[in-house]
Amino acid sequence: MLNKTQLKILAYLIDHQDKHLGIRELAKQISTVYYLVQRNVQQLRLAKAITLETAGKTNLVKLHPQANQQHFLDAEAYKRLLFYQRYPTFKVALQKIIQQSESCFLVLLVFGSYVQQPRKDSDVDLLVIVPTSEQAELLGSVIASVARTSTIRIHETVVPESSFRTMLQRKELNIAQEAKEKHILIYGDQLYYQLIQ
């Protein structure tokens, strides 16, 4: 079981895979004292959740390419908990979408401004991954129904699984790549990690 500091480290690394940080900079980014981050980085390295790459006098902290998937799932659950604590009204709306959709989708995640720095007029960007394009219509009507009864402005993008996989392989920036970089997984954590492998 991962402790809170380890969850913070992994959650940060999941959302910042393009950054190359040493332990001191990582500690600053997650607002945790250096010695605590250093000790937990070593524990995560021994658990093969992260790797340390030497760059001059610094050890760069990166996610381990063959890490146990459960470490990532725990970090995703931690990110979701923090998101719901920060935006409690979203939890109600998102759970309504899950219940009313009769589980016709594989993955539901939040991406965009609410994962980074929302403005007052920002809407919630949802990416919904469905098995086939037939489910997209049903999901669109469910989300529209929930949005009408909620104070939250929702902007959804519904894509079939095959389209999501294709978008991930493209070089130009697209919704799938943007969501992969920074997201909050609401539903379908394990399936999401199978899709991005």
N, C-alpha and C. Protein backbone atom coordinates (compact mmCIF):
# COMPACT_ATOMS: atom_id res chain seq x y z
N MET A 1 0.85 -1.19 0.00
CA MET A 1 0.00 0.00 0.00
C MET A 1 0.89 1.25 0.00
N LEU A 2 0.60 2.15 -0.90
CA LEU A 2 1.38 3.37 -1.00
C LEU A 2 0.96 4.38 0.05
N ASN A 3 1.94 5.13 0.58
CA ASN A 3 1.59 6.18 1.53
C ASN A 3 1.27 7.47 0.77
N LYS A 4 0.85 8.50 1.49
CA LYS A 4 0.40 9.74 0.87
C LYS A 4 1.51 10.41 0.04
N THR A 5 2.72 10.43 0.56
CA THR A 5 3.82 11.04 -0.18
C THR A 5 4.10 10.29 -1.47
N GLN A 6 4.06 8.98 -1.42
CA GLN A 6 4.28 8.18 -2.63
C GLN A 6 3.18 8.42 -3.66
N LEU A 7 1.94 8.55 -3.18
CA LEU A 7 0.83 8.85 -4.08
C LEU A 7 1.01 10.21 -4.73
N LYS A 8 1.45 11.19 -3.94
CA LYS A 8 1.69 12.53 -4.49
C LYS A 8 2.79 12.50 -5.55
N ILE A 9 3.83 11.74 -5.30
CA ILE A 9 4.93 11.64 -6.26
C ILE A 9 4.44 11.02 -7.57
N LEU A 10 3.76 9.88 -7.46
CA LEU A 10 3.29 9.21 -8.67
C LEU A 10 2.24 10.03 -9.41
N ALA A 11 1.34 10.66 -8.68
CA ALA A 11 0.31 11.49 -9.32
C ALA A 11 0.96 12.63 -10.10
N TYR A 12 1.96 13.25 -9.51
CA TYR A 12 2.66 14.34 -10.20
C TYR A 12 3.37 13.81 -11.45
N LEU A 13 4.06 12.70 -11.32
CA LEU A 13 4.80 12.15 -12.46
C LEU A 13 3.87 11.70 -13.59
N ILE A 14 2.70 11.18 -13.26
CA ILE A 14 1.73 10.78 -14.28
C ILE A 14 1.32 11.99 -15.12
N ASP A 15 1.11 13.13 -14.45
CA ASP A 15 0.65 14.33 -15.15
C ASP A 15 1.78 15.17 -15.73
N HIS A 16 3.02 14.80 -15.48
CA HIS A 16 4.16 15.60 -15.97
C HIS A 16 5.25 14.68 -16.53
N GLN A 17 4.84 13.75 -17.38
CA GLN A 17 5.80 12.78 -17.92
C GLN A 17 6.83 13.43 -18.82
N ASP A 18 6.52 14.61 -19.32
CA ASP A 18 7.47 15.30 -20.21
C ASP A 18 8.54 16.06 -19.44
N LYS A 19 8.34 16.26 -18.14
CA LYS A 19 9.31 17.00 -17.33
C LYS A 19 10.38 16.06 -16.81
N HIS A 20 11.59 16.58 -16.70
CA HIS A 20 12.72 15.81 -16.15
C HIS A 20 13.17 16.51 -14.88
N LEU A 21 12.74 15.98 -13.74
CA LEU A 21 12.99 16.64 -12.47
C LEU A 21 13.90 15.82 -11.58
N GLY A 22 14.75 16.53 -10.85
CA GLY A 22 15.52 15.92 -9.79
C GLY A 22 14.65 15.84 -8.54
N ILE A 23 15.15 15.19 -7.52
CA ILE A 23 14.37 14.99 -6.29
C ILE A 23 14.06 16.33 -5.63
N ARG A 24 15.02 17.25 -5.59
CA ARG A 24 14.81 18.55 -4.95
C ARG A 24 13.69 19.34 -5.65
N GLU A 25 13.70 19.37 -6.98
CA GLU A 25 12.66 20.08 -7.74
C GLU A 25 11.31 19.38 -7.59
N LEU A 26 11.32 18.06 -7.57
CA LEU A 26 10.08 17.30 -7.37
C LEU A 26 9.48 17.64 -6.01
N ALA A 27 10.31 17.70 -4.99
CA ALA A 27 9.84 18.05 -3.64
C ALA A 27 9.17 19.42 -3.65
N LYS A 28 9.78 20.37 -4.36
CA LYS A 28 9.21 21.71 -4.45
C LYS A 28 7.86 21.68 -5.17
N GLN A 29 7.78 20.93 -6.25
CA GLN A 29 6.55 20.88 -7.05
C GLN A 29 5.39 20.26 -6.29
N ILE A 30 5.66 19.28 -5.44
CA ILE A 30 4.56 18.64 -4.69
C ILE A 30 4.43 19.18 -3.26
N SER A 31 5.17 20.27 -2.99
CA SER A 31 5.10 20.95 -1.68
C SER A 31 5.32 20.01 -0.51
N THR A 32 6.41 19.25 -0.60
CA THR A 32 6.76 18.30 0.45
C THR A 32 8.25 18.47 0.75
N VAL A 33 8.62 18.28 2.02
CA VAL A 33 10.01 18.48 2.40
C VAL A 33 10.92 17.48 1.68
N TYR A 34 12.12 17.94 1.39
CA TYR A 34 13.08 17.18 0.57
C TYR A 34 13.37 15.79 1.12
N TYR A 35 13.71 15.70 2.41
CA TYR A 35 14.12 14.40 2.95
C TYR A 35 13.00 13.36 2.84
N LEU A 36 11.74 13.81 2.98
CA LEU A 36 10.61 12.90 2.88
C LEU A 36 10.44 12.40 1.44
N VAL A 37 10.61 13.30 0.49
CA VAL A 37 10.52 12.92 -0.92
C VAL A 37 11.67 11.98 -1.27
N GLN A 38 12.87 12.31 -0.82
CA GLN A 38 14.04 11.47 -1.12
C GLN A 38 13.84 10.04 -0.60
N ARG A 39 13.36 9.92 0.63
CA ARG A 39 13.15 8.59 1.21
C ARG A 39 12.08 7.81 0.43
N ASN A 40 11.01 8.49 0.06
CA ASN A 40 9.93 7.81 -0.65
C ASN A 40 10.28 7.52 -2.10
N VAL A 41 11.10 8.36 -2.71
CA VAL A 41 11.59 8.08 -4.06
C VAL A 41 12.39 6.78 -4.04
N GLN A 42 13.22 6.61 -3.03
CA GLN A 42 14.02 5.39 -2.93
C GLN A 42 13.12 4.15 -2.75
N GLN A 43 12.09 4.30 -1.94
CA GLN A 43 11.16 3.18 -1.75
C GLN A 43 10.41 2.84 -3.03
N LEU A 44 10.00 3.88 -3.77
CA LEU A 44 9.31 3.66 -5.05
C LEU A 44 10.26 3.05 -6.09
N ARG A 45 11.52 3.43 -6.02
CA ARG A 45 12.51 2.85 -6.94
C ARG A 45 12.69 1.36 -6.65
N LEU A 46 12.78 1.01 -5.36
CA LEU A 46 12.90 -0.40 -4.98
C LEU A 46 11.67 -1.21 -5.37
N ALA A 47 10.50 -0.54 -5.36
CA ALA A 47 9.25 -1.19 -5.76
C ALA A 47 9.07 -1.20 -7.28
N LYS A 48 10.05 -0.64 -7.98
CA LYS A 48 10.04 -0.56 -9.45
C LYS A 48 8.85 0.23 -9.98
N ALA A 49 8.44 1.27 -9.23
CA ALA A 49 7.40 2.17 -9.71
C ALA A 49 8.02 3.34 -10.47
N ILE A 50 9.25 3.69 -10.10
CA ILE A 50 9.96 4.78 -10.76
C ILE A 50 11.40 4.37 -11.04
N THR A 51 12.07 5.15 -11.87
CA THR A 51 13.49 4.95 -12.12
C THR A 51 14.22 6.26 -11.81
N LEU A 52 15.49 6.15 -11.55
CA LEU A 52 16.34 7.31 -11.37
C LEU A 52 17.41 7.28 -12.45
N GLU A 53 17.48 8.34 -13.22
CA GLU A 53 18.48 8.43 -14.29
C GLU A 53 19.47 9.53 -13.93
N THR A 54 20.74 9.21 -13.95
CA THR A 54 21.77 10.17 -13.60
C THR A 54 21.97 11.17 -14.73
N ALA A 55 21.94 12.45 -14.36
CA ALA A 55 22.20 13.54 -15.31
C ALA A 55 23.10 14.53 -14.59
N GLY A 56 24.41 14.39 -14.79
CA GLY A 56 25.36 15.22 -14.06
C GLY A 56 25.36 14.83 -12.60
N LYS A 57 25.10 15.80 -11.73
CA LYS A 57 25.06 15.53 -10.29
C LYS A 57 23.65 15.25 -9.78
N THR A 58 22.69 15.23 -10.70
CA THR A 58 21.29 15.07 -10.32
C THR A 58 20.76 13.71 -10.77
N ASN A 59 19.87 13.15 -9.97
CA ASN A 59 19.13 11.96 -10.35
C ASN A 59 17.74 12.38 -10.80
N LEU A 60 17.42 12.14 -12.07
CA LEU A 60 16.10 12.50 -12.60
C LEU A 60 15.10 11.39 -12.27
N VAL A 61 13.93 11.81 -11.78
CA VAL A 61 12.90 10.86 -11.37
C VAL A 61 11.91 10.68 -12.53
N LYS A 62 11.69 9.42 -12.92
CA LYS A 62 10.76 9.11 -14.01
C LYS A 62 9.94 7.88 -13.65
N LEU A 63 8.78 7.77 -14.27
CA LEU A 63 7.97 6.57 -14.08
C LEU A 63 8.69 5.37 -14.69
N HIS A 64 8.60 4.24 -14.02
CA HIS A 64 9.22 3.02 -14.52
C HIS A 64 8.34 2.48 -15.66
N PRO A 65 8.94 2.16 -16.81
CA PRO A 65 8.12 1.71 -17.95
C PRO A 65 7.38 0.39 -17.70
N GLN A 66 7.91 -0.45 -16.82
CA GLN A 66 7.24 -1.72 -16.51
C GLN A 66 6.72 -1.75 -15.07
N ALA A 67 6.29 -0.61 -14.58
CA ALA A 67 5.79 -0.54 -13.20
C ALA A 67 4.52 -1.37 -13.04
N ASN A 68 4.31 -1.82 -11.82
CA ASN A 68 3.08 -2.52 -11.48
C ASN A 68 1.92 -1.56 -11.71
N GLN A 69 0.96 -1.97 -12.52
CA GLN A 69 -0.17 -1.10 -12.87
C GLN A 69 -0.94 -0.63 -11.63
N GLN A 70 -0.94 -1.42 -10.58
CA GLN A 70 -1.68 -1.06 -9.37
C GLN A 70 -1.16 0.23 -8.76
N HIS A 71 0.14 0.50 -8.89
CA HIS A 71 0.68 1.77 -8.39
C HIS A 71 0.03 2.95 -9.10
N PHE A 72 -0.13 2.84 -10.43
CA PHE A 72 -0.76 3.91 -11.20
C PHE A 72 -2.24 4.04 -10.85
N LEU A 73 -2.92 2.91 -10.67
CA LEU A 73 -4.34 2.95 -10.32
C LEU A 73 -4.55 3.61 -8.96
N ASP A 74 -3.66 3.32 -8.01
CA ASP A 74 -3.74 3.97 -6.69
C ASP A 74 -3.51 5.47 -6.81
N ALA A 75 -2.55 5.87 -7.63
CA ALA A 75 -2.28 7.30 -7.82
C ALA A 75 -3.45 7.98 -8.53
N GLU A 76 -4.08 7.31 -9.48
CA GLU A 76 -5.26 7.87 -10.16
C GLU A 76 -6.41 8.04 -9.17
N ALA A 77 -6.61 7.08 -8.28
CA ALA A 77 -7.66 7.19 -7.27
C ALA A 77 -7.38 8.36 -6.34
N TYR A 78 -6.12 8.59 -6.01
CA TYR A 78 -5.72 9.72 -5.17
C TYR A 78 -6.02 11.04 -5.88
N LYS A 79 -5.68 11.13 -7.17
CA LYS A 79 -5.98 12.34 -7.94
C LYS A 79 -7.48 12.60 -7.97
N ARG A 80 -8.29 11.53 -8.14
CA ARG A 80 -9.75 11.67 -8.18
C ARG A 80 -10.28 12.17 -6.84
N LEU A 81 -9.75 11.64 -5.75
CA LEU A 81 -10.17 12.07 -4.41
C LEU A 81 -9.90 13.57 -4.21
N LEU A 82 -8.70 14.02 -4.59
CA LEU A 82 -8.37 15.44 -4.46
C LEU A 82 -9.27 16.30 -5.34
N PHE A 83 -9.58 15.82 -6.53
CA PHE A 83 -10.46 16.55 -7.46
C PHE A 83 -11.85 16.71 -6.84
N TYR A 84 -12.39 15.63 -6.30
CA TYR A 84 -13.72 15.69 -5.68
C TYR A 84 -13.72 16.57 -4.42
N GLN A 85 -12.62 16.60 -3.69
CA GLN A 85 -12.54 17.48 -2.53
C GLN A 85 -12.53 18.94 -2.97
N ARG A 86 -11.87 19.22 -4.07
CA ARG A 86 -11.79 20.60 -4.56
C ARG A 86 -13.08 21.05 -5.23
N TYR A 87 -13.76 20.12 -5.92
CA TYR A 87 -15.00 20.43 -6.65
C TYR A 87 -16.09 19.43 -6.26
N PRO A 88 -16.65 19.53 -5.05
CA PRO A 88 -17.62 18.52 -4.59
C PRO A 88 -18.89 18.44 -5.45
N THR A 89 -19.31 19.54 -6.06
CA THR A 89 -20.53 19.47 -6.89
C THR A 89 -20.31 18.64 -8.15
N PHE A 90 -19.07 18.53 -8.60
CA PHE A 90 -18.79 17.72 -9.79
C PHE A 90 -19.05 16.24 -9.52
N LYS A 91 -18.77 15.81 -8.29
CA LYS A 91 -18.92 14.39 -7.96
C LYS A 91 -20.36 13.95 -8.21
N VAL A 92 -21.31 14.77 -7.79
CA VAL A 92 -22.73 14.44 -7.95
C VAL A 92 -23.07 14.32 -9.43
N ALA A 93 -22.70 15.31 -10.23
CA ALA A 93 -23.01 15.30 -11.66
C ALA A 93 -22.35 14.12 -12.38
N LEU A 94 -21.09 13.87 -12.07
CA LEU A 94 -20.37 12.78 -12.74
C LEU A 94 -20.93 11.41 -12.34
N GLN A 95 -21.34 11.27 -11.09
CA GLN A 95 -21.93 10.00 -10.67
C GLN A 95 -23.29 9.78 -11.32
N LYS A 96 -24.04 10.87 -11.54
CA LYS A 96 -25.32 10.75 -12.25
C LYS A 96 -25.09 10.27 -13.68
N ILE A 97 -24.06 10.80 -14.33
CA ILE A 97 -23.76 10.36 -15.70
C ILE A 97 -23.44 8.87 -15.71
N ILE A 98 -22.64 8.43 -14.76
CA ILE A 98 -22.28 7.01 -14.69
C ILE A 98 -23.51 6.14 -14.47
N GLN A 99 -24.38 6.55 -13.52
CA GLN A 99 -25.57 5.75 -13.21
C GLN A 99 -26.57 5.72 -14.37
N GLN A 100 -26.80 6.88 -14.98
CA GLN A 100 -27.82 6.96 -16.03
C GLN A 100 -27.37 6.38 -17.37
N SER A 101 -26.09 6.22 -17.55
CA SER A 101 -25.59 5.71 -18.84
C SER A 101 -25.64 4.20 -18.92
N GLU A 102 -25.98 3.54 -17.83
CA GLU A 102 -26.06 2.08 -17.78
C GLU A 102 -24.74 1.43 -18.21
N SER A 103 -23.64 2.08 -17.83
CA SER A 103 -22.29 1.56 -18.10
C SER A 103 -22.06 1.22 -19.57
N CYS A 104 -22.57 2.07 -20.47
CA CYS A 104 -22.36 1.80 -21.89
C CYS A 104 -21.01 2.34 -22.36
N PHE A 105 -20.22 2.92 -21.44
CA PHE A 105 -18.90 3.40 -21.85
C PHE A 105 -17.81 2.64 -21.11
N LEU A 106 -16.63 2.77 -21.63
CA LEU A 106 -15.48 2.11 -21.03
C LEU A 106 -14.76 3.01 -20.05
N VAL A 107 -14.55 4.28 -20.47
CA VAL A 107 -13.73 5.20 -19.69
C VAL A 107 -14.38 6.58 -19.69
N LEU A 108 -14.34 7.24 -18.53
CA LEU A 108 -14.80 8.62 -18.40
C LEU A 108 -13.71 9.37 -17.67
N LEU A 109 -13.23 10.45 -18.28
CA LEU A 109 -12.21 11.25 -17.61
C LEU A 109 -12.43 12.74 -17.85
N VAL A 110 -11.93 13.53 -16.91
CA VAL A 110 -11.96 14.98 -17.00
C VAL A 110 -10.58 15.41 -17.48
N PHE A 111 -10.55 16.36 -18.41
CA PHE A 111 -9.27 16.90 -18.87
C PHE A 111 -9.46 18.40 -19.09
N GLY A 112 -8.44 19.06 -19.56
CA GLY A 112 -8.58 20.48 -19.87
C GLY A 112 -8.37 21.37 -18.66
N SER A 113 -9.08 22.50 -18.66
CA SER A 113 -8.81 23.56 -17.68
C SER A 113 -9.04 23.15 -16.24
N TYR A 114 -10.03 22.30 -15.96
CA TYR A 114 -10.29 21.93 -14.57
C TYR A 114 -9.22 21.01 -13.99
N VAL A 115 -8.39 20.45 -14.82
CA VAL A 115 -7.27 19.65 -14.33
C VAL A 115 -6.07 20.56 -14.09
N GLN A 116 -6.04 21.70 -14.77
CA GLN A 116 -4.93 22.64 -14.63
C GLN A 116 -5.38 23.85 -13.81
N GLN A 117 -5.68 24.95 -14.43
CA GLN A 117 -6.13 26.16 -13.74
C GLN A 117 -7.40 26.68 -14.39
N PRO A 118 -8.58 26.34 -13.83
CA PRO A 118 -9.82 26.80 -14.45
C PRO A 118 -10.06 28.30 -14.24
N ARG A 119 -10.72 28.90 -15.23
CA ARG A 119 -11.20 30.27 -15.08
C ARG A 119 -12.63 30.19 -14.56
N LYS A 120 -13.18 31.33 -14.18
CA LYS A 120 -14.55 31.33 -13.68
C LYS A 120 -15.55 30.84 -14.72
N ASP A 121 -15.29 31.14 -15.98
CA ASP A 121 -16.22 30.76 -17.04
C ASP A 121 -15.87 29.43 -17.71
N SER A 122 -14.96 28.66 -17.13
CA SER A 122 -14.56 27.38 -17.73
C SER A 122 -15.67 26.35 -17.62
N ASP A 123 -15.77 25.51 -18.64
CA ASP A 123 -16.67 24.38 -18.54
C ASP A 123 -15.84 23.13 -18.26
N VAL A 124 -16.52 22.07 -17.85
CA VAL A 124 -15.84 20.82 -17.53
C VAL A 124 -15.71 20.02 -18.83
N ASP A 125 -14.48 19.73 -19.21
CA ASP A 125 -14.22 18.94 -20.41
C ASP A 125 -14.19 17.47 -20.05
N LEU A 126 -15.10 16.70 -20.65
CA LEU A 126 -15.15 15.26 -20.41
C LEU A 126 -14.74 14.54 -21.68
N LEU A 127 -13.93 13.53 -21.52
CA LEU A 127 -13.64 12.61 -22.61
C LEU A 127 -14.26 11.28 -22.23
N VAL A 128 -15.13 10.79 -23.10
CA VAL A 128 -15.82 9.53 -22.86
C VAL A 128 -15.41 8.57 -23.97
N ILE A 129 -14.91 7.42 -23.58
CA ILE A 129 -14.49 6.41 -24.54
C ILE A 129 -15.50 5.27 -24.48
N VAL A 130 -16.12 4.99 -25.64
CA VAL A 130 -17.17 3.98 -25.72
C VAL A 130 -16.68 2.82 -26.59
N PRO A 131 -17.29 1.63 -26.44
CA PRO A 131 -16.86 0.50 -27.26
C PRO A 131 -17.08 0.74 -28.76
N THR A 132 -18.25 1.28 -29.12
CA THR A 132 -18.55 1.51 -30.53
C THR A 132 -19.24 2.86 -30.69
N SER A 133 -19.34 3.34 -31.91
CA SER A 133 -19.95 4.64 -32.15
C SER A 133 -21.45 4.64 -31.88
N GLU A 134 -22.10 3.47 -31.84
CA GLU A 134 -23.54 3.42 -31.53
C GLU A 134 -23.83 3.94 -30.12
N GLN A 135 -22.92 3.69 -29.18
CA GLN A 135 -23.14 4.15 -27.80
C GLN A 135 -22.96 5.66 -27.66
N ALA A 136 -22.32 6.30 -28.61
CA ALA A 136 -22.06 7.74 -28.51
C ALA A 136 -23.34 8.56 -28.40
N GLU A 137 -24.36 8.21 -29.18
CA GLU A 137 -25.62 8.96 -29.14
C GLU A 137 -26.28 8.86 -27.79
N LEU A 138 -26.35 7.65 -27.25
CA LEU A 138 -26.96 7.45 -25.94
C LEU A 138 -26.24 8.28 -24.88
N LEU A 139 -24.92 8.25 -24.92
CA LEU A 139 -24.13 9.00 -23.95
C LEU A 139 -24.36 10.50 -24.08
N GLY A 140 -24.43 10.98 -25.31
CA GLY A 140 -24.67 12.41 -25.53
C GLY A 140 -25.97 12.86 -24.90
N SER A 141 -27.04 12.05 -25.04
CA SER A 141 -28.33 12.44 -24.45
C SER A 141 -28.30 12.35 -22.93
N VAL A 142 -27.59 11.38 -22.38
CA VAL A 142 -27.47 11.26 -20.92
C VAL A 142 -26.73 12.47 -20.35
N ILE A 143 -25.61 12.82 -20.97
CA ILE A 143 -24.82 13.97 -20.49
C ILE A 143 -25.61 15.26 -20.62
N ALA A 144 -26.34 15.43 -21.72
CA ALA A 144 -27.17 16.64 -21.90
C ALA A 144 -28.25 16.72 -20.82
N SER A 145 -28.83 15.59 -20.48
CA SER A 145 -29.86 15.54 -19.43
C SER A 145 -29.29 15.94 -18.08
N VAL A 146 -28.12 15.40 -17.73
CA VAL A 146 -27.48 15.74 -16.46
C VAL A 146 -27.07 17.21 -16.45
N ALA A 147 -26.55 17.70 -17.57
CA ALA A 147 -26.11 19.09 -17.66
C ALA A 147 -27.27 20.07 -17.46
N ARG A 148 -28.47 19.70 -17.94
CA ARG A 148 -29.64 20.59 -17.78
C ARG A 148 -30.03 20.77 -16.32
N THR A 149 -29.80 19.75 -15.51
CA THR A 149 -30.20 19.82 -14.10
C THR A 149 -29.05 20.18 -13.17
N SER A 150 -27.92 20.55 -13.74
CA SER A 150 -26.73 20.84 -12.95
C SER A 150 -26.29 22.28 -13.15
N THR A 151 -25.58 22.81 -12.18
CA THR A 151 -25.02 24.16 -12.31
C THR A 151 -23.70 24.12 -13.08
N ILE A 152 -23.23 22.92 -13.38
CA ILE A 152 -21.95 22.75 -14.06
C ILE A 152 -22.15 22.77 -15.57
N ARG A 153 -21.31 23.54 -16.24
CA ARG A 153 -21.32 23.53 -17.71
C ARG A 153 -20.39 22.41 -18.17
N ILE A 154 -20.96 21.50 -18.96
CA ILE A 154 -20.21 20.33 -19.40
C ILE A 154 -20.00 20.37 -20.91
N HIS A 155 -18.77 20.10 -21.31
CA HIS A 155 -18.46 19.94 -22.73
C HIS A 155 -17.89 18.54 -22.89
N GLU A 156 -18.65 17.68 -23.57
CA GLU A 156 -18.21 16.29 -23.70
C GLU A 156 -17.70 15.99 -25.10
N THR A 157 -16.74 15.09 -25.14
CA THR A 157 -16.25 14.51 -26.39
C THR A 157 -16.38 13.01 -26.23
N VAL A 158 -17.17 12.40 -27.10
CA VAL A 158 -17.40 10.96 -27.02
C VAL A 158 -16.73 10.32 -28.23
N VAL A 159 -15.83 9.38 -27.98
CA VAL A 159 -15.12 8.71 -29.08
C VAL A 159 -15.15 7.20 -28.88
N PRO A 160 -15.26 6.48 -29.99
CA PRO A 160 -15.14 5.01 -29.89
C PRO A 160 -13.71 4.62 -29.53
N GLU A 161 -13.59 3.47 -28.94
CA GLU A 161 -12.27 2.96 -28.52
C GLU A 161 -11.27 2.96 -29.68
N SER A 162 -11.70 2.53 -30.85
CA SER A 162 -10.79 2.46 -32.00
C SER A 162 -10.26 3.84 -32.39
N SER A 163 -11.13 4.86 -32.34
CA SER A 163 -10.70 6.23 -32.66
C SER A 163 -9.72 6.76 -31.63
N PHE A 164 -9.97 6.43 -30.37
CA PHE A 164 -9.07 6.86 -29.31
C PHE A 164 -7.67 6.29 -29.53
N ARG A 165 -7.59 5.00 -29.84
CA ARG A 165 -6.30 4.36 -30.10
C ARG A 165 -5.60 5.00 -31.29
N THR A 166 -6.35 5.31 -32.34
CA THR A 166 -5.78 5.94 -33.53
C THR A 166 -5.23 7.32 -33.19
N MET A 167 -5.98 8.10 -32.42
CA MET A 167 -5.54 9.45 -32.04
C MET A 167 -4.25 9.40 -31.22
N LEU A 168 -4.12 8.41 -30.36
CA LEU A 168 -2.91 8.29 -29.55
C LEU A 168 -1.66 8.06 -30.41
N GLN A 169 -1.83 7.41 -31.55
CA GLN A 169 -0.70 7.09 -32.42
C GLN A 169 -0.29 8.24 -33.32
N ARG A 170 -1.15 9.23 -33.47
CA ARG A 170 -0.82 10.36 -34.34
C ARG A 170 0.21 11.27 -33.69
N LYS A 171 0.97 11.94 -34.53
CA LYS A 171 2.01 12.84 -34.02
C LYS A 171 1.46 14.21 -33.63
N GLU A 172 0.44 14.68 -34.36
CA GLU A 172 -0.09 16.01 -34.04
C GLU A 172 -0.95 15.93 -32.77
N LEU A 173 -0.99 17.05 -32.04
CA LEU A 173 -1.73 17.12 -30.79
C LEU A 173 -3.22 16.94 -31.06
N ASN A 174 -3.87 16.13 -30.25
CA ASN A 174 -5.31 15.91 -30.37
C ASN A 174 -5.88 15.68 -28.98
N ILE A 175 -7.18 15.49 -28.92
CA ILE A 175 -7.86 15.35 -27.62
C ILE A 175 -7.35 14.16 -26.83
N ALA A 176 -7.11 13.04 -27.49
CA ALA A 176 -6.63 11.84 -26.78
C ALA A 176 -5.27 12.09 -26.15
N GLN A 177 -4.37 12.74 -26.88
CA GLN A 177 -3.05 13.02 -26.33
C GLN A 177 -3.11 14.07 -25.23
N GLU A 178 -3.96 15.08 -25.41
CA GLU A 178 -4.12 16.10 -24.37
C GLU A 178 -4.66 15.47 -23.08
N ALA A 179 -5.65 14.60 -23.23
CA ALA A 179 -6.24 13.95 -22.05
C ALA A 179 -5.24 12.99 -21.40
N LYS A 180 -4.41 12.34 -22.20
CA LYS A 180 -3.42 11.42 -21.64
C LYS A 180 -2.39 12.18 -20.79
N GLU A 181 -2.03 13.38 -21.23
CA GLU A 181 -1.02 14.16 -20.50
C GLU A 181 -1.51 14.62 -19.14
N LYS A 182 -2.71 15.17 -19.08
CA LYS A 182 -3.25 15.67 -17.81
C LYS A 182 -4.73 15.34 -17.75
N HIS A 183 -5.11 14.56 -16.74
CA HIS A 183 -6.49 14.10 -16.64
C HIS A 183 -6.82 13.70 -15.20
N ILE A 184 -8.10 13.53 -14.98
CA ILE A 184 -8.61 12.91 -13.76
C ILE A 184 -9.48 11.76 -14.23
N LEU A 185 -9.10 10.55 -13.92
CA LEU A 185 -9.89 9.38 -14.30
C LEU A 185 -11.07 9.25 -13.35
N ILE A 186 -12.28 9.27 -13.91
CA ILE A 186 -13.49 9.18 -13.11
C ILE A 186 -14.01 7.76 -13.08
N TYR A 187 -13.89 7.08 -14.21
CA TYR A 187 -14.43 5.72 -14.33
C TYR A 187 -13.59 4.95 -15.34
N GLY A 188 -13.36 3.67 -15.08
CA GLY A 188 -12.67 2.81 -16.03
C GLY A 188 -11.16 2.88 -15.96
N ASP A 189 -10.62 3.00 -14.76
CA ASP A 189 -9.17 3.15 -14.60
C ASP A 189 -8.36 2.04 -15.28
N GLN A 190 -8.73 0.79 -15.00
CA GLN A 190 -7.96 -0.33 -15.56
C GLN A 190 -8.07 -0.38 -17.07
N LEU A 191 -9.26 -0.14 -17.59
CA LEU A 191 -9.45 -0.15 -19.04
C LEU A 191 -8.67 0.96 -19.70
N TYR A 192 -8.61 2.11 -19.05
CA TYR A 192 -7.84 3.23 -19.61
C TYR A 192 -6.37 2.84 -19.75
N TYR A 193 -5.82 2.22 -18.73
CA TYR A 193 -4.40 1.84 -18.80
C TYR A 193 -4.15 0.75 -19.82
N GLN A 194 -5.15 -0.10 -20.07
CA GLN A 194 -5.01 -1.08 -21.15
C GLN A 194 -5.01 -0.38 -22.51
N LEU A 195 -5.84 0.66 -22.65
CA LEU A 195 -5.94 1.38 -23.92
C LEU A 195 -4.67 2.15 -24.26
N ILE A 196 -3.99 2.69 -23.26
CA ILE A 196 -2.82 3.53 -23.56
C ILE A 196 -1.53 2.73 -23.67
N GLN A 197 -1.56 1.44 -23.43
CA GLN A 197 -0.34 0.63 -23.53
C GLN A 197 -0.02 0.30 -24.96
